[in-house]
Amino acid sequence: RSVKLGFTENKIVIRTYDIENRMASDTVNIYRILNKDDIGPSVNRHGIDYALLVGTSEYEEFEPLANPILDIEAVGNELEKHYGFVAEKIKNPTLETLYTTLRNYGKRKYSSDDQLFIFIAGHGVFDNLFGDGYLVLADSKKDDHNKTGHISHSNLRTILNNIDCNHIFLVLDVCFGGTFDPLVARRGNDEYEKVNKNEFIQRKLKYKTRLYLTAGGKEYVSDGRAGMHSPFTREFLTALRTFGGADQILTINEILTNIERVKPEPHFGEFGSNEPGSDFLFILR
């Protein structure tokens, strides 16, 4: 019997039976390496894909986390190796460092089909009085009742919406990340006919993109076991490692299919000047 192997790791279970129908089994792991012959025709697209990955594991006053640095390293490596992203990894940033980094991305000149992917992992908190979620940085203080040493989700929305890049996708693997959506904070499948690769990309990148994906709603999320990635990032990496299937283009809808069973339930939405029909593409290189 022939078996079609997927890219990366394939787990093959071999079972044998004797004449008395007693069974023995063994598992073989086969790793299929991706090469240029698997990718198919080249893509006629000139845009650059940027990735900013921010992970905070060590804090001055908050409890340390086991996996944010590991998570951004793994996600960044996948994006660089397989999708051709120009990735920058920021580890344990202070408030000033993160603001400066975001400002630098705001100063850049982008072409019409450039994409900017932002992945942030670490602590997050929610302020019931202000009705807003906040990112916790390495130097954020626990007794900072006015949250002057944090970055609010409302401020982050404004900053990202004003970056002059047509296609921006934000992923937050932080507690209370779902409150990036003001509606969550207040309350307590595209179908396409088969077209060629370039036409599909042009159609998907036709509209301005301001989309986000968070590891949960208005709740705490798990950091996971040390060295094993957070549950959310683990499934996000699984999505990246599918390489988008037969067309080698991973869409947000395909990512959502992979992470939909994570607990707590991830939250997906749009912000700012997002246009209906927009998308963000991870294109295998």
C-alpha atoms as a PDB file:
ATOM      1  CA  ARG A   1       0.000   0.000   0.000  1.00  0.00           C
ATOM      2  CA  SER A   2       1.355   3.412  -0.953  1.00  0.00           C
ATOM      3  CA  VAL A   3       1.235   6.339   1.472  1.00  0.00           C
ATOM      4  CA  LYS A   4       1.444   9.998   0.424  1.00  0.00           C
ATOM      5  CA  LEU A   5       3.792  11.832   2.751  1.00  0.00           C
ATOM      6  CA  GLY A   6       3.177  15.372   3.890  1.00  0.00           C
ATOM      7  CA  PHE A   7       5.967  17.867   4.419  1.00  0.00           C
ATOM      8  CA  THR A   8       7.989  17.691   7.661  1.00  0.00           C
ATOM      9  CA  GLU A   9       7.118  14.878  10.075  1.00  0.00           C
ATOM     10  CA  ASN A  10       4.916  11.889   9.163  1.00  0.00           C
ATOM     11  CA  LYS A  11       3.943   9.283  11.731  1.00  0.00           C
ATOM     12  CA  ILE A  12       3.380   5.853  10.131  1.00  0.00           C
ATOM     13  CA  VAL A  13       1.848   3.067  12.256  1.00  0.00           C
ATOM     14  CA  ILE A  14       2.689  -0.455  11.064  1.00  0.00           C
ATOM     15  CA  ARG A  15       0.497  -3.325  12.291  1.00  0.00           C
ATOM     16  CA  THR A  16       1.086  -7.041  11.703  1.00  0.00           C
ATOM     17  CA  TYR A  17      -1.207  -9.983  12.478  1.00  0.00           C
ATOM     18  CA  ASP A  18      -0.421 -13.650  12.920  1.00  0.00           C
ATOM     19  CA  ILE A  19      -2.662 -16.579  11.931  1.00  0.00           C
ATOM     20  CA  GLU A  20      -4.471 -16.303  15.255  1.00  0.00           C
ATOM     21  CA  ASN A  21      -5.201 -12.640  14.601  1.00  0.00           C
ATOM     22  CA  ARG A  22      -2.866 -11.404  17.316  1.00  0.00           C
ATOM     23  CA  MET A  23      -1.587  -7.964  16.522  1.00  0.00           C
ATOM     24  CA  ALA A  24       1.747  -6.241  17.011  1.00  0.00           C
ATOM     25  CA  SER A  25       2.400  -2.647  16.038  1.00  0.00           C
ATOM     26  CA  ASP A  26       5.279  -0.220  15.660  1.00  0.00           C
ATOM     27  CA  THR A  27       5.476   3.460  14.780  1.00  0.00           C
ATOM     28  CA  VAL A  28       7.914   4.935  12.286  1.00  0.00           C
ATOM     29  CA  ASN A  29       8.521   8.666  11.970  1.00  0.00           C
ATOM     30  CA  ILE A  30       9.465   9.795   8.458  1.00  0.00           C
ATOM     31  CA  TYR A  31      10.595  13.366   7.849  1.00  0.00           C
ATOM     32  CA  ARG A  32       9.978  14.672   4.329  1.00  0.00           C
ATOM     33  CA  ILE A  33      12.289  17.551   3.424  1.00  0.00           C
ATOM     34  CA  LEU A  34      10.808  20.369   1.385  1.00  0.00           C
ATOM     35  CA  ASN A  35      12.760  21.190  -1.776  1.00  0.00           C
ATOM     36  CA  LYS A  36      12.338  23.566  -4.680  1.00  0.00           C
ATOM     37  CA  ASP A  37      10.654  20.922  -6.857  1.00  0.00           C
ATOM     38  CA  ASP A  38       7.776  20.720  -4.365  1.00  0.00           C
ATOM     39  CA  ILE A  39       6.960  24.417  -4.530  1.00  0.00           C
ATOM     40  CA  GLY A  40       5.694  24.655  -8.088  1.00  0.00           C
ATOM     41  CA  PRO A  41       5.673  27.761 -10.298  1.00  0.00           C
ATOM     42  CA  SER A  42       7.204  30.973  -9.017  1.00  0.00           C
ATOM     43  CA  VAL A  43       5.030  33.792  -7.760  1.00  0.00           C
ATOM     44  CA  ASN A  44       4.951  37.065  -9.666  1.00  0.00           C
ATOM     45  CA  ARG A  45       4.829  39.296  -6.601  1.00  0.00           C
ATOM     46  CA  HIS A  46       7.298  41.973  -5.553  1.00  0.00           C
ATOM     47  CA  GLY A  47       6.085  42.737  -2.035  1.00  0.00           C
ATOM     48  CA  ILE A  48       8.255  42.152   1.032  1.00  0.00           C
ATOM     49  CA  ASP A  49       6.904  40.246   4.037  1.00  0.00           C
ATOM     50  CA  TYR A  50       8.041  41.611   7.399  1.00  0.00           C
ATOM     51  CA  ALA A  51       7.616  39.952  10.782  1.00  0.00           C
ATOM     52  CA  LEU A  52       8.043  41.565  14.189  1.00  0.00           C
ATOM     53  CA  LEU A  53       8.098  38.962  16.958  1.00  0.00           C
ATOM     54  CA  VAL A  54       8.028  40.143  20.569  1.00  0.00           C
ATOM     55  CA  GLY A  55       8.423  37.760  23.493  1.00  0.00           C
ATOM     56  CA  THR A  56       8.696  38.586  27.179  1.00  0.00           C
ATOM     57  CA  SER A  57       9.620  35.837  29.638  1.00  0.00           C
ATOM     58  CA  GLU A  58      11.494  37.810  32.295  1.00  0.00           C
ATOM     59  CA  TYR A  59       9.895  40.617  34.308  1.00  0.00           C
ATOM     60  CA  GLU A  60      11.045  42.913  37.079  1.00  0.00           C
ATOM     61  CA  GLU A  61       7.863  42.426  39.133  1.00  0.00           C
ATOM     62  CA  PHE A  62       5.619  39.897  37.359  1.00  0.00           C
ATOM     63  CA  GLU A  63       6.074  36.139  37.488  1.00  0.00           C
ATOM     64  CA  PRO A  64       8.430  34.798  34.779  1.00  0.00           C
ATOM     65  CA  LEU A  65       6.961  32.797  31.906  1.00  0.00           C
ATOM     66  CA  ALA A  66       8.446  29.653  30.426  1.00  0.00           C
ATOM     67  CA  ASN A  67       7.724  29.848  26.712  1.00  0.00           C
ATOM     68  CA  PRO A  68       7.387  33.316  25.094  1.00  0.00           C
ATOM     69  CA  ILE A  69      11.031  33.465  23.911  1.00  0.00           C
ATOM     70  CA  LEU A  70      10.873  29.868  22.686  1.00  0.00           C
ATOM     71  CA  ASP A  71       7.583  30.678  20.928  1.00  0.00           C
ATOM     72  CA  ILE A  72       8.833  33.708  19.011  1.00  0.00           C
ATOM     73  CA  GLU A  73      12.040  31.902  18.038  1.00  0.00           C
ATOM     74  CA  ALA A  74      10.064  28.989  16.600  1.00  0.00           C
ATOM     75  CA  VAL A  75       7.493  31.136  14.780  1.00  0.00           C
ATOM     76  CA  GLY A  76      10.192  33.452  13.447  1.00  0.00           C
ATOM     77  CA  ASN A  77      12.314  30.571  12.197  1.00  0.00           C
ATOM     78  CA  GLU A  78       9.341  29.062  10.329  1.00  0.00           C
ATOM     79  CA  LEU A  79       8.552  32.408   8.693  1.00  0.00           C
ATOM     80  CA  GLU A  80      12.160  33.016   7.655  1.00  0.00           C
ATOM     81  CA  LYS A  81      12.935  29.504   6.455  1.00  0.00           C
ATOM     82  CA  HIS A  82       9.760  28.615   4.587  1.00  0.00           C
ATOM     83  CA  TYR A  83       7.890  31.843   3.848  1.00  0.00           C
ATOM     84  CA  GLY A  84      10.690  34.306   3.113  1.00  0.00           C
ATOM     85  CA  PHE A  85       9.790  36.811   5.832  1.00  0.00           C
ATOM     86  CA  VAL A  86      12.280  39.416   7.000  1.00  0.00           C
ATOM     87  CA  ALA A  87      11.922  38.724  10.720  1.00  0.00           C
ATOM     88  CA  GLU A  88      12.981  40.742  13.748  1.00  0.00           C
ATOM     89  CA  LYS A  89      12.830  39.185  17.213  1.00  0.00           C
ATOM     90  CA  ILE A  90      12.599  41.424  20.262  1.00  0.00           C
ATOM     91  CA  LYS A  91      13.209  39.648  23.578  1.00  0.00           C
ATOM     92  CA  ASN A  92      12.115  40.928  26.995  1.00  0.00           C
ATOM     93  CA  PRO A  93      11.567  44.529  25.845  1.00  0.00           C
ATOM     94  CA  THR A  94      10.952  47.433  28.170  1.00  0.00           C
ATOM     95  CA  LEU A  95       8.093  49.816  27.476  1.00  0.00           C
ATOM     96  CA  GLU A  96      10.499  52.270  25.832  1.00  0.00           C
ATOM     97  CA  THR A  97      12.056  49.565  23.660  1.00  0.00           C
ATOM     98  CA  LEU A  98       8.718  48.349  22.326  1.00  0.00           C
ATOM     99  CA  TYR A  99       7.441  51.860  21.627  1.00  0.00           C
ATOM    100  CA  THR A 100      10.691  52.698  19.806  1.00  0.00           C
ATOM    101  CA  THR A 101      10.469  49.499  17.772  1.00  0.00           C
ATOM    102  CA  LEU A 102       6.870  50.163  16.747  1.00  0.00           C
ATOM    103  CA  ARG A 103       7.771  53.755  15.839  1.00  0.00           C
ATOM    104  CA  ASN A 104      10.592  52.490  13.612  1.00  0.00           C
ATOM    105  CA  TYR A 105       8.135  50.266  11.744  1.00  0.00           C
ATOM    106  CA  GLY A 106       5.856  53.279  11.414  1.00  0.00           C
ATOM    107  CA  LYS A 107       8.650  55.274   9.761  1.00  0.00           C
ATOM    108  CA  ARG A 108       9.327  52.678   7.072  1.00  0.00           C
ATOM    109  CA  LYS A 109       8.205  53.046   3.473  1.00  0.00           C
ATOM    110  CA  TYR A 110       6.086  50.152   2.253  1.00  0.00           C
ATOM    111  CA  SER A 111       5.009  49.109  -1.223  1.00  0.00           C
ATOM    112  CA  SER A 112       1.351  48.413  -1.976  1.00  0.00           C
ATOM    113  CA  ASP A 113       1.596  44.642  -1.460  1.00  0.00           C
ATOM    114  CA  ASP A 114       4.078  44.512   1.423  1.00  0.00           C
ATOM    115  CA  GLN A 115       2.819  42.667   4.503  1.00  0.00           C
ATOM    116  CA  LEU A 116       3.606  43.193   8.197  1.00  0.00           C
ATOM    117  CA  PHE A 117       3.006  40.344  10.659  1.00  0.00           C
ATOM    118  CA  ILE A 118       3.273  41.094  14.388  1.00  0.00           C
ATOM    119  CA  PHE A 119       3.361  38.328  17.010  1.00  0.00           C
ATOM    120  CA  ILE A 120       3.433  39.241  20.714  1.00  0.00           C
ATOM    121  CA  ALA A 121       3.762  36.683  23.531  1.00  0.00           C
ATOM    122  CA  GLY A 122       3.893  37.389  27.246  1.00  0.00           C
ATOM    123  CA  HIS A 123       1.809  38.603  30.163  1.00  0.00           C
ATOM    124  CA  GLY A 124      -1.383  40.586  29.647  1.00  0.00           C
ATOM    125  CA  VAL A 125      -3.735  42.231  32.149  1.00  0.00           C
ATOM    126  CA  PHE A 126      -7.181  43.805  32.073  1.00  0.00           C
ATOM    127  CA  ASP A 127      -8.347  46.939  33.885  1.00  0.00           C
ATOM    128  CA  ASN A 128     -12.062  46.788  34.717  1.00  0.00           C
ATOM    129  CA  LEU A 129     -12.240  50.497  35.502  1.00  0.00           C
ATOM    130  CA  PHE A 130     -10.699  51.623  32.215  1.00  0.00           C
ATOM    131  CA  GLY A 131     -12.325  48.734  30.307  1.00  0.00           C
ATOM    132  CA  ASP A 132      -9.139  47.988  28.397  1.00  0.00           C
ATOM    133  CA  GLY A 133      -6.534  45.254  28.129  1.00  0.00           C
ATOM    134  CA  TYR A 134      -2.802  45.917  28.446  1.00  0.00           C
ATOM    135  CA  LEU A 135       0.465  44.320  27.377  1.00  0.00           C
ATOM    136  CA  VAL A 136       2.892  43.820  30.243  1.00  0.00           C
ATOM    137  CA  LEU A 137       6.525  44.677  29.468  1.00  0.00           C
ATOM    138  CA  ALA A 138       9.700  43.647  31.264  1.00  0.00           C
ATOM    139  CA  ASP A 139       9.731  46.835  33.351  1.00  0.00           C
ATOM    140  CA  SER A 140       5.967  47.132  33.980  1.00  0.00           C
ATOM    141  CA  LYS A 141       5.041  47.560  37.657  1.00  0.00           C
ATOM    142  CA  LYS A 142       2.388  45.578  39.511  1.00  0.00           C
ATOM    143  CA  ASP A 143       1.202  48.578  41.537  1.00  0.00           C
ATOM    144  CA  ASP A 144       0.913  50.821  38.465  1.00  0.00           C
ATOM    145  CA  HIS A 145      -2.813  51.502  38.860  1.00  0.00           C
ATOM    146  CA  ASN A 146      -2.843  53.972  35.943  1.00  0.00           C
ATOM    147  CA  LYS A 147      -0.996  51.473  33.708  1.00  0.00           C
ATOM    148  CA  THR A 148       1.519  54.095  32.560  1.00  0.00           C
ATOM    149  CA  GLY A 149       4.174  51.372  32.262  1.00  0.00           C
ATOM    150  CA  HIS A 150       2.004  49.147  30.064  1.00  0.00           C
ATOM    151  CA  ILE A 151       0.746  49.416  26.472  1.00  0.00           C
ATOM    152  CA  SER A 152      -3.024  49.486  26.208  1.00  0.00           C
ATOM    153  CA  HIS A 153      -4.815  47.572  23.476  1.00  0.00           C
ATOM    154  CA  SER A 154      -6.554  50.773  22.383  1.00  0.00           C
ATOM    155  CA  ASN A 155      -3.170  52.481  21.954  1.00  0.00           C
ATOM    156  CA  LEU A 156      -1.775  49.474  20.110  1.00  0.00           C
ATOM    157  CA  ARG A 157      -4.754  49.529  17.726  1.00  0.00           C
ATOM    158  CA  THR A 158      -4.104  53.194  16.955  1.00  0.00           C
ATOM    159  CA  ILE A 159      -0.369  52.672  16.424  1.00  0.00           C
ATOM    160  CA  LEU A 160      -0.785  49.705  14.074  1.00  0.00           C
ATOM    161  CA  ASN A 161      -3.657  51.264  12.161  1.00  0.00           C
ATOM    162  CA  ASN A 162      -1.480  54.284  11.363  1.00  0.00           C
ATOM    163  CA  ILE A 163       1.498  52.311  10.062  1.00  0.00           C
ATOM    164  CA  ASP A 164       1.540  52.947   6.314  1.00  0.00           C
ATOM    165  CA  CYS A 165       1.489  49.267   5.330  1.00  0.00           C
ATOM    166  CA  ASN A 166      -1.563  47.969   3.496  1.00  0.00           C
ATOM    167  CA  HIS A 167      -1.554  44.503   5.059  1.00  0.00           C
ATOM    168  CA  ILE A 168      -1.078  44.080   8.814  1.00  0.00           C
ATOM    169  CA  PHE A 169      -1.895  40.959  10.845  1.00  0.00           C
ATOM    170  CA  LEU A 170      -1.495  40.986  14.640  1.00  0.00           C
ATOM    171  CA  VAL A 171      -1.346  37.843  16.798  1.00  0.00           C
ATOM    172  CA  LEU A 172      -1.451  38.175  20.594  1.00  0.00           C
ATOM    173  CA  ASP A 173      -0.550  35.172  22.742  1.00  0.00           C
ATOM    174  CA  VAL A 174      -1.222  36.991  26.018  1.00  0.00           C
ATOM    175  CA  CYS A 175      -3.827  36.828  28.789  1.00  0.00           C
ATOM    176  CA  PHE A 176      -6.934  38.905  28.043  1.00  0.00           C
ATOM    177  CA  GLY A 177      -5.718  39.258  24.440  1.00  0.00           C
ATOM    178  CA  GLY A 178      -9.295  39.050  23.183  1.00  0.00           C
ATOM    179  CA  THR A 179     -10.020  42.431  24.768  1.00  0.00           C
ATOM    180  CA  PHE A 180      -8.063  43.929  21.862  1.00  0.00           C
ATOM    181  CA  ASP A 181     -11.603  43.890  20.444  1.00  0.00           C
ATOM    182  CA  PRO A 182     -13.507  46.666  22.285  1.00  0.00           C
ATOM    183  CA  LEU A 183     -16.729  44.639  22.061  1.00  0.00           C
ATOM    184  CA  VAL A 184     -15.132  41.785  23.983  1.00  0.00           C
ATOM    185  CA  ALA A 185     -13.761  44.210  26.557  1.00  0.00           C
ATOM    186  CA  ARG A 186     -17.194  45.761  27.098  1.00  0.00           C
ATOM    187  CA  ARG A 187     -19.227  42.578  27.358  1.00  0.00           C
ATOM    188  CA  GLY A 188     -17.556  40.637  29.832  1.00  0.00           C
ATOM    189  CA  ASN A 189     -14.890  30.492   4.851  1.00  0.00           C
ATOM    190  CA  ASP A 190     -13.884  32.385   1.972  1.00  0.00           C
ATOM    191  CA  GLU A 191     -14.848  30.421  -1.151  1.00  0.00           C
ATOM    192  CA  TYR A 192     -12.938  30.905  -4.388  1.00  0.00           C
ATOM    193  CA  GLU A 193     -13.058  29.149  -7.694  1.00  0.00           C
ATOM    194  CA  LYS A 194      -9.775  27.609  -8.710  1.00  0.00           C
ATOM    195  CA  VAL A 195      -7.562  30.329 -10.151  1.00  0.00           C
ATOM    196  CA  ASN A 196      -3.860  30.485 -10.815  1.00  0.00           C
ATOM    197  CA  LYS A 197      -1.507  31.346  -7.988  1.00  0.00           C
ATOM    198  CA  ASN A 198      -0.762  34.941  -8.992  1.00  0.00           C
ATOM    199  CA  GLU A 199      -4.426  35.783  -9.557  1.00  0.00           C
ATOM    200  CA  PHE A 200      -5.289  34.302  -6.164  1.00  0.00           C
ATOM    201  CA  ILE A 201      -2.628  36.432  -4.445  1.00  0.00           C
ATOM    202  CA  GLN A 202      -3.713  39.611  -6.225  1.00  0.00           C
ATOM    203  CA  ARG A 203      -7.326  38.958  -5.284  1.00  0.00           C
ATOM    204  CA  LYS A 204      -6.481  38.312  -1.642  1.00  0.00           C
ATOM    205  CA  LEU A 205      -4.199  41.355  -1.319  1.00  0.00           C
ATOM    206  CA  LYS A 206      -6.567  43.720  -3.108  1.00  0.00           C
ATOM    207  CA  TYR A 207      -7.977  45.226   0.087  1.00  0.00           C
ATOM    208  CA  LYS A 208      -6.411  46.958   3.059  1.00  0.00           C
ATOM    209  CA  THR A 209      -5.782  44.560   5.944  1.00  0.00           C
ATOM    210  CA  ARG A 210      -6.070  45.241   9.664  1.00  0.00           C
ATOM    211  CA  LEU A 211      -6.704  41.830  11.250  1.00  0.00           C
ATOM    212  CA  TYR A 212      -5.837  40.275  14.604  1.00  0.00           C
ATOM    213  CA  LEU A 213      -5.854  36.873  16.282  1.00  0.00           C
ATOM    214  CA  THR A 214      -5.578  36.388  20.042  1.00  0.00           C
ATOM    215  CA  ALA A 215      -5.004  33.371  22.257  1.00  0.00           C
ATOM    216  CA  GLY A 216      -8.262  33.888  24.153  1.00  0.00           C
ATOM    217  CA  GLY A 217     -10.956  36.365  25.052  1.00  0.00           C
ATOM    218  CA  LYS A 218     -11.379  38.193  28.343  1.00  0.00           C
ATOM    219  CA  GLU A 219      -9.523  35.545  30.336  1.00  0.00           C
ATOM    220  CA  TYR A 220      -6.199  34.097  31.376  1.00  0.00           C
ATOM    221  CA  VAL A 221      -4.422  31.810  28.906  1.00  0.00           C
ATOM    222  CA  SER A 222      -1.890  29.062  29.554  1.00  0.00           C
ATOM    223  CA  ASP A 223       1.852  29.556  29.083  1.00  0.00           C
ATOM    224  CA  GLY A 224       2.154  25.778  28.703  1.00  0.00           C
ATOM    225  CA  ARG A 225       4.833  23.437  29.949  1.00  0.00           C
ATOM    226  CA  ALA A 226       8.391  24.733  29.901  1.00  0.00           C
ATOM    227  CA  GLY A 227      10.031  24.003  26.572  1.00  0.00           C
ATOM    228  CA  MET A 228       6.793  22.814  24.944  1.00  0.00           C
ATOM    229  CA  HIS A 229       5.374  26.138  23.639  1.00  0.00           C
ATOM    230  CA  SER A 230       2.083  27.620  24.792  1.00  0.00           C
ATOM    231  CA  PRO A 231      -0.993  25.644  23.633  1.00  0.00           C
ATOM    232  CA  PHE A 232      -1.935  28.496  21.280  1.00  0.00           C
ATOM    233  CA  THR A 233       1.533  28.882  19.728  1.00  0.00           C
ATOM    234  CA  ARG A 234       1.859  25.101  19.394  1.00  0.00           C
ATOM    235  CA  GLU A 235      -1.195  25.005  17.114  1.00  0.00           C
ATOM    236  CA  PHE A 236      -0.130  28.193  15.302  1.00  0.00           C
ATOM    237  CA  LEU A 237       3.170  26.480  14.463  1.00  0.00           C
ATOM    238  CA  THR A 238       1.246  23.423  13.274  1.00  0.00           C
ATOM    239  CA  ALA A 239      -0.653  25.689  10.883  1.00  0.00           C
ATOM    240  CA  LEU A 240       2.591  27.235   9.576  1.00  0.00           C
ATOM    241  CA  ARG A 241       4.031  23.758   9.026  1.00  0.00           C
ATOM    242  CA  THR A 242       1.178  22.722   6.736  1.00  0.00           C
ATOM    243  CA  PHE A 243       2.721  25.196   4.249  1.00  0.00           C
ATOM    244  CA  GLY A 244      -0.739  26.094   2.977  1.00  0.00           C
ATOM    245  CA  GLY A 245      -1.500  22.730   1.414  1.00  0.00           C
ATOM    246  CA  ALA A 246      -1.475  22.112  -2.334  1.00  0.00           C
ATOM    247  CA  ASP A 247      -1.192  25.765  -3.400  1.00  0.00           C
ATOM    248  CA  GLN A 248       1.544  26.552  -0.823  1.00  0.00           C
ATOM    249  CA  ILE A 249      -0.363  29.676   0.290  1.00  0.00           C
ATOM    250  CA  LEU A 250      -1.467  29.703   3.922  1.00  0.00           C
ATOM    251  CA  THR A 251      -4.456  31.983   4.523  1.00  0.00           C
ATOM    252  CA  ILE A 252      -5.915  33.198   7.791  1.00  0.00           C
ATOM    253  CA  ASN A 253      -8.935  30.958   7.327  1.00  0.00           C
ATOM    254  CA  GLU A 254      -6.610  27.955   7.130  1.00  0.00           C
ATOM    255  CA  ILE A 255      -4.845  29.087  10.312  1.00  0.00           C
ATOM    256  CA  LEU A 256      -8.203  29.424  12.077  1.00  0.00           C
ATOM    257  CA  THR A 257      -9.076  25.852  11.124  1.00  0.00           C
ATOM    258  CA  ASN A 258      -5.936  24.649  12.904  1.00  0.00           C
ATOM    259  CA  ILE A 259      -6.342  26.662  16.105  1.00  0.00           C
ATOM    260  CA  GLU A 260     -10.134  26.534  16.555  1.00  0.00           C
ATOM    261  CA  ARG A 261     -10.013  23.761  19.186  1.00  0.00           C
ATOM    262  CA  VAL A 262      -7.462  25.445  21.446  1.00  0.00           C
ATOM    263  CA  LYS A 263      -8.733  26.150  24.977  1.00  0.00           C
ATOM    264  CA  PRO A 264      -9.626  28.856  25.747  1.00  0.00           C
ATOM    265  CA  GLU A 265     -11.133  29.648  22.356  1.00  0.00           C
ATOM    266  CA  PRO A 266      -8.973  32.019  20.259  1.00  0.00           C
ATOM    267  CA  HIS A 267     -10.536  35.286  19.141  1.00  0.00           C
ATOM    268  CA  PHE A 268     -10.262  36.678  15.616  1.00  0.00           C
ATOM    269  CA  GLY A 269     -11.409  40.021  14.222  1.00  0.00           C
ATOM    270  CA  GLU A 270     -10.593  43.267  12.459  1.00  0.00           C
ATOM    271  CA  PHE A 271      -9.643  46.749  13.617  1.00  0.00           C
ATOM    272  CA  GLY A 272      -9.072  50.251  12.293  1.00  0.00           C
ATOM    273  CA  SER A 273      -9.378  50.727   8.538  1.00  0.00           C
ATOM    274  CA  ASN A 274      -9.695  47.049   7.569  1.00  0.00           C
ATOM    275  CA  GLU A 275     -11.589  46.548   4.300  1.00  0.00           C
ATOM    276  CA  PRO A 276     -14.125  43.750   3.695  1.00  0.00           C
ATOM    277  CA  GLY A 277     -12.556  40.850   1.825  1.00  0.00           C
ATOM    278  CA  SER A 278      -9.043  41.515   3.113  1.00  0.00           C
ATOM    279  CA  ASP A 279      -6.602  38.729   3.995  1.00  0.00           C
ATOM    280  CA  PHE A 280      -2.997  38.096   5.006  1.00  0.00           C
ATOM    281  CA  LEU A 281      -0.972  35.488   3.128  1.00  0.00           C
ATOM    282  CA  PHE A 282       1.925  33.277   4.179  1.00  0.00           C
ATOM    283  CA  ILE A 283       3.397  32.266   0.803  1.00  0.00           C
ATOM    284  CA  LEU A 284       5.807  29.355   0.670  1.00  0.00           C
ATOM    285  CA  ARG A 285       9.106  30.365  -0.926  1.00  0.00           C
END
